[in-house]
Amino acid sequence: MSITLPEFSDQKNFGVTRWYFQAGDLIKEGDIICELENDTVTMELECVADGRIISIYTANKILKTGEEVCKVETT
């Protein structure tokens, strides 16, 4: 399952400022995956399913709405 950057009203571009998990970690629905930030706001991205993070796609990258943040193998 791909976890993507959701649309936050008029906020379109975000950078990841903090990861709470890394590839290989078990994660549960509702866990905070990472912290996102842009010029005006800081937000947290929640996991939407139980599973294991198998890859992270956003190292040193500015994300746009709909882009993949990480991939979770659901259990």
C-alpha atoms as a PDB file:
ATOM      1  CA  MET A   1       0.000   0.000   0.000  1.00  0.00           C
ATOM      2  CA  SER A   2       1.348   3.398  -0.969  1.00  0.00           C
ATOM      3  CA  ILE A   3       1.050   6.221   1.560  1.00  0.00           C
ATOM      4  CA  THR A   4       0.731   9.484  -0.355  1.00  0.00           C
ATOM      5  CA  LEU A   5       0.719  13.137   0.601  1.00  0.00           C
ATOM      6  CA  PRO A   6      -2.939  14.109   0.989  1.00  0.00           C
ATOM      7  CA  GLU A   7      -4.356  17.425  -0.146  1.00  0.00           C
ATOM      8  CA  PHE A   8      -4.295  20.041   2.627  1.00  0.00           C
ATOM      9  CA  SER A   9      -6.565  22.822   1.284  1.00  0.00           C
ATOM     10  CA  ASP A  10      -4.281  25.377  -0.373  1.00  0.00           C
ATOM     11  CA  GLN A  11      -1.025  23.823   0.943  1.00  0.00           C
ATOM     12  CA  LYS A  12       0.619  21.953  -1.968  1.00  0.00           C
ATOM     13  CA  ASN A  13       4.345  21.445  -1.225  1.00  0.00           C
ATOM     14  CA  PHE A  14       5.918  19.957   1.902  1.00  0.00           C
ATOM     15  CA  GLY A  15       9.293  18.715   3.081  1.00  0.00           C
ATOM     16  CA  VAL A  16       9.715  15.915   5.626  1.00  0.00           C
ATOM     17  CA  THR A  17      11.343  17.370   8.736  1.00  0.00           C
ATOM     18  CA  ARG A  18      11.189  14.311  11.022  1.00  0.00           C
ATOM     19  CA  TRP A  19      10.656  10.572  10.589  1.00  0.00           C
ATOM     20  CA  TYR A  20       9.127   8.561  13.437  1.00  0.00           C
ATOM     21  CA  PHE A  21       9.698   5.197  11.708  1.00  0.00           C
ATOM     22  CA  GLN A  22      12.171   3.717   9.266  1.00  0.00           C
ATOM     23  CA  ALA A  23      12.056   0.956   6.662  1.00  0.00           C
ATOM     24  CA  GLY A  24      11.447  -2.408   8.343  1.00  0.00           C
ATOM     25  CA  ASP A  25       9.523  -1.026  11.317  1.00  0.00           C
ATOM     26  CA  LEU A  26       6.065  -2.289  12.257  1.00  0.00           C
ATOM     27  CA  ILE A  27       3.397   0.415  12.202  1.00  0.00           C
ATOM     28  CA  LYS A  28      -0.266   0.604  13.187  1.00  0.00           C
ATOM     29  CA  GLU A  29      -3.174   2.515  11.749  1.00  0.00           C
ATOM     30  CA  GLY A  30      -3.196   5.975  13.326  1.00  0.00           C
ATOM     31  CA  ASP A  31       0.559   6.042  14.072  1.00  0.00           C
ATOM     32  CA  ILE A  32       2.306   9.234  12.995  1.00  0.00           C
ATOM     33  CA  ILE A  33       4.743   8.353  10.188  1.00  0.00           C
ATOM     34  CA  CYS A  34       6.466  11.702   9.789  1.00  0.00           C
ATOM     35  CA  GLU A  35       6.289  15.445  10.282  1.00  0.00           C
ATOM     36  CA  LEU A  36       5.786  17.643   7.206  1.00  0.00           C
ATOM     37  CA  GLU A  37       6.532  21.333   6.911  1.00  0.00           C
ATOM     38  CA  ASN A  38       6.328  24.174   4.436  1.00  0.00           C
ATOM     39  CA  ASP A  39       6.632  27.973   4.716  1.00  0.00           C
ATOM     40  CA  THR A  40       3.410  28.386   6.695  1.00  0.00           C
ATOM     41  CA  VAL A  41       2.485  25.167   8.505  1.00  0.00           C
ATOM     42  CA  THR A  42       3.834  22.003  10.161  1.00  0.00           C
ATOM     43  CA  MET A  43       1.665  18.852   9.963  1.00  0.00           C
ATOM     44  CA  GLU A  44       1.867  15.161  10.837  1.00  0.00           C
ATOM     45  CA  LEU A  45       1.124  12.327   8.410  1.00  0.00           C
ATOM     46  CA  GLU A  46      -0.829   9.363   9.844  1.00  0.00           C
ATOM     47  CA  CYS A  47      -0.622   5.758   8.718  1.00  0.00           C
ATOM     48  CA  VAL A  48      -3.912   4.413   7.352  1.00  0.00           C
ATOM     49  CA  ALA A  49      -3.313   0.664   7.903  1.00  0.00           C
ATOM     50  CA  ASP A  50      -1.409  -1.815  10.097  1.00  0.00           C
ATOM     51  CA  GLY A  51       1.748  -3.243   8.554  1.00  0.00           C
ATOM     52  CA  ARG A  52       5.480  -2.859   8.021  1.00  0.00           C
ATOM     53  CA  ILE A  53       7.176   0.063   6.289  1.00  0.00           C
ATOM     54  CA  ILE A  54       9.027  -1.478   3.352  1.00  0.00           C
ATOM     55  CA  SER A  55      10.379   1.653   1.660  1.00  0.00           C
ATOM     56  CA  ILE A  56      10.633   5.407   2.116  1.00  0.00           C
ATOM     57  CA  TYR A  57      10.642   7.634  -0.963  1.00  0.00           C
ATOM     58  CA  THR A  58      11.099  11.147   0.322  1.00  0.00           C
ATOM     59  CA  ALA A  59      14.632  11.544   1.575  1.00  0.00           C
ATOM     60  CA  ASN A  60      15.728  15.152   0.906  1.00  0.00           C
ATOM     61  CA  LYS A  61      12.784  15.825  -1.389  1.00  0.00           C
ATOM     62  CA  ILE A  62      10.005  18.392  -1.549  1.00  0.00           C
ATOM     63  CA  LEU A  63       6.676  16.569  -1.894  1.00  0.00           C
ATOM     64  CA  LYS A  64       3.659  17.658  -3.862  1.00  0.00           C
ATOM     65  CA  THR A  65       0.064  16.626  -3.172  1.00  0.00           C
ATOM     66  CA  GLY A  66      -0.483  13.001  -4.269  1.00  0.00           C
ATOM     67  CA  GLU A  67       3.190  12.007  -4.271  1.00  0.00           C
ATOM     68  CA  GLU A  68       4.239   8.792  -2.556  1.00  0.00           C
ATOM     69  CA  VAL A  69       5.810   9.211   0.896  1.00  0.00           C
ATOM     70  CA  CYS A  70       6.388   5.539   1.752  1.00  0.00           C
ATOM     71  CA  LYS A  71       5.132   2.042   1.084  1.00  0.00           C
ATOM     72  CA  VAL A  72       3.536  -0.159   3.764  1.00  0.00           C
ATOM     73  CA  GLU A  73       3.129  -3.937   3.486  1.00  0.00           C
ATOM     74  CA  THR A  74      -0.215  -4.470   5.185  1.00  0.00           C
ATOM     75  CA  THR A  75      -0.843  -7.286   7.660  1.00  0.00           C
END
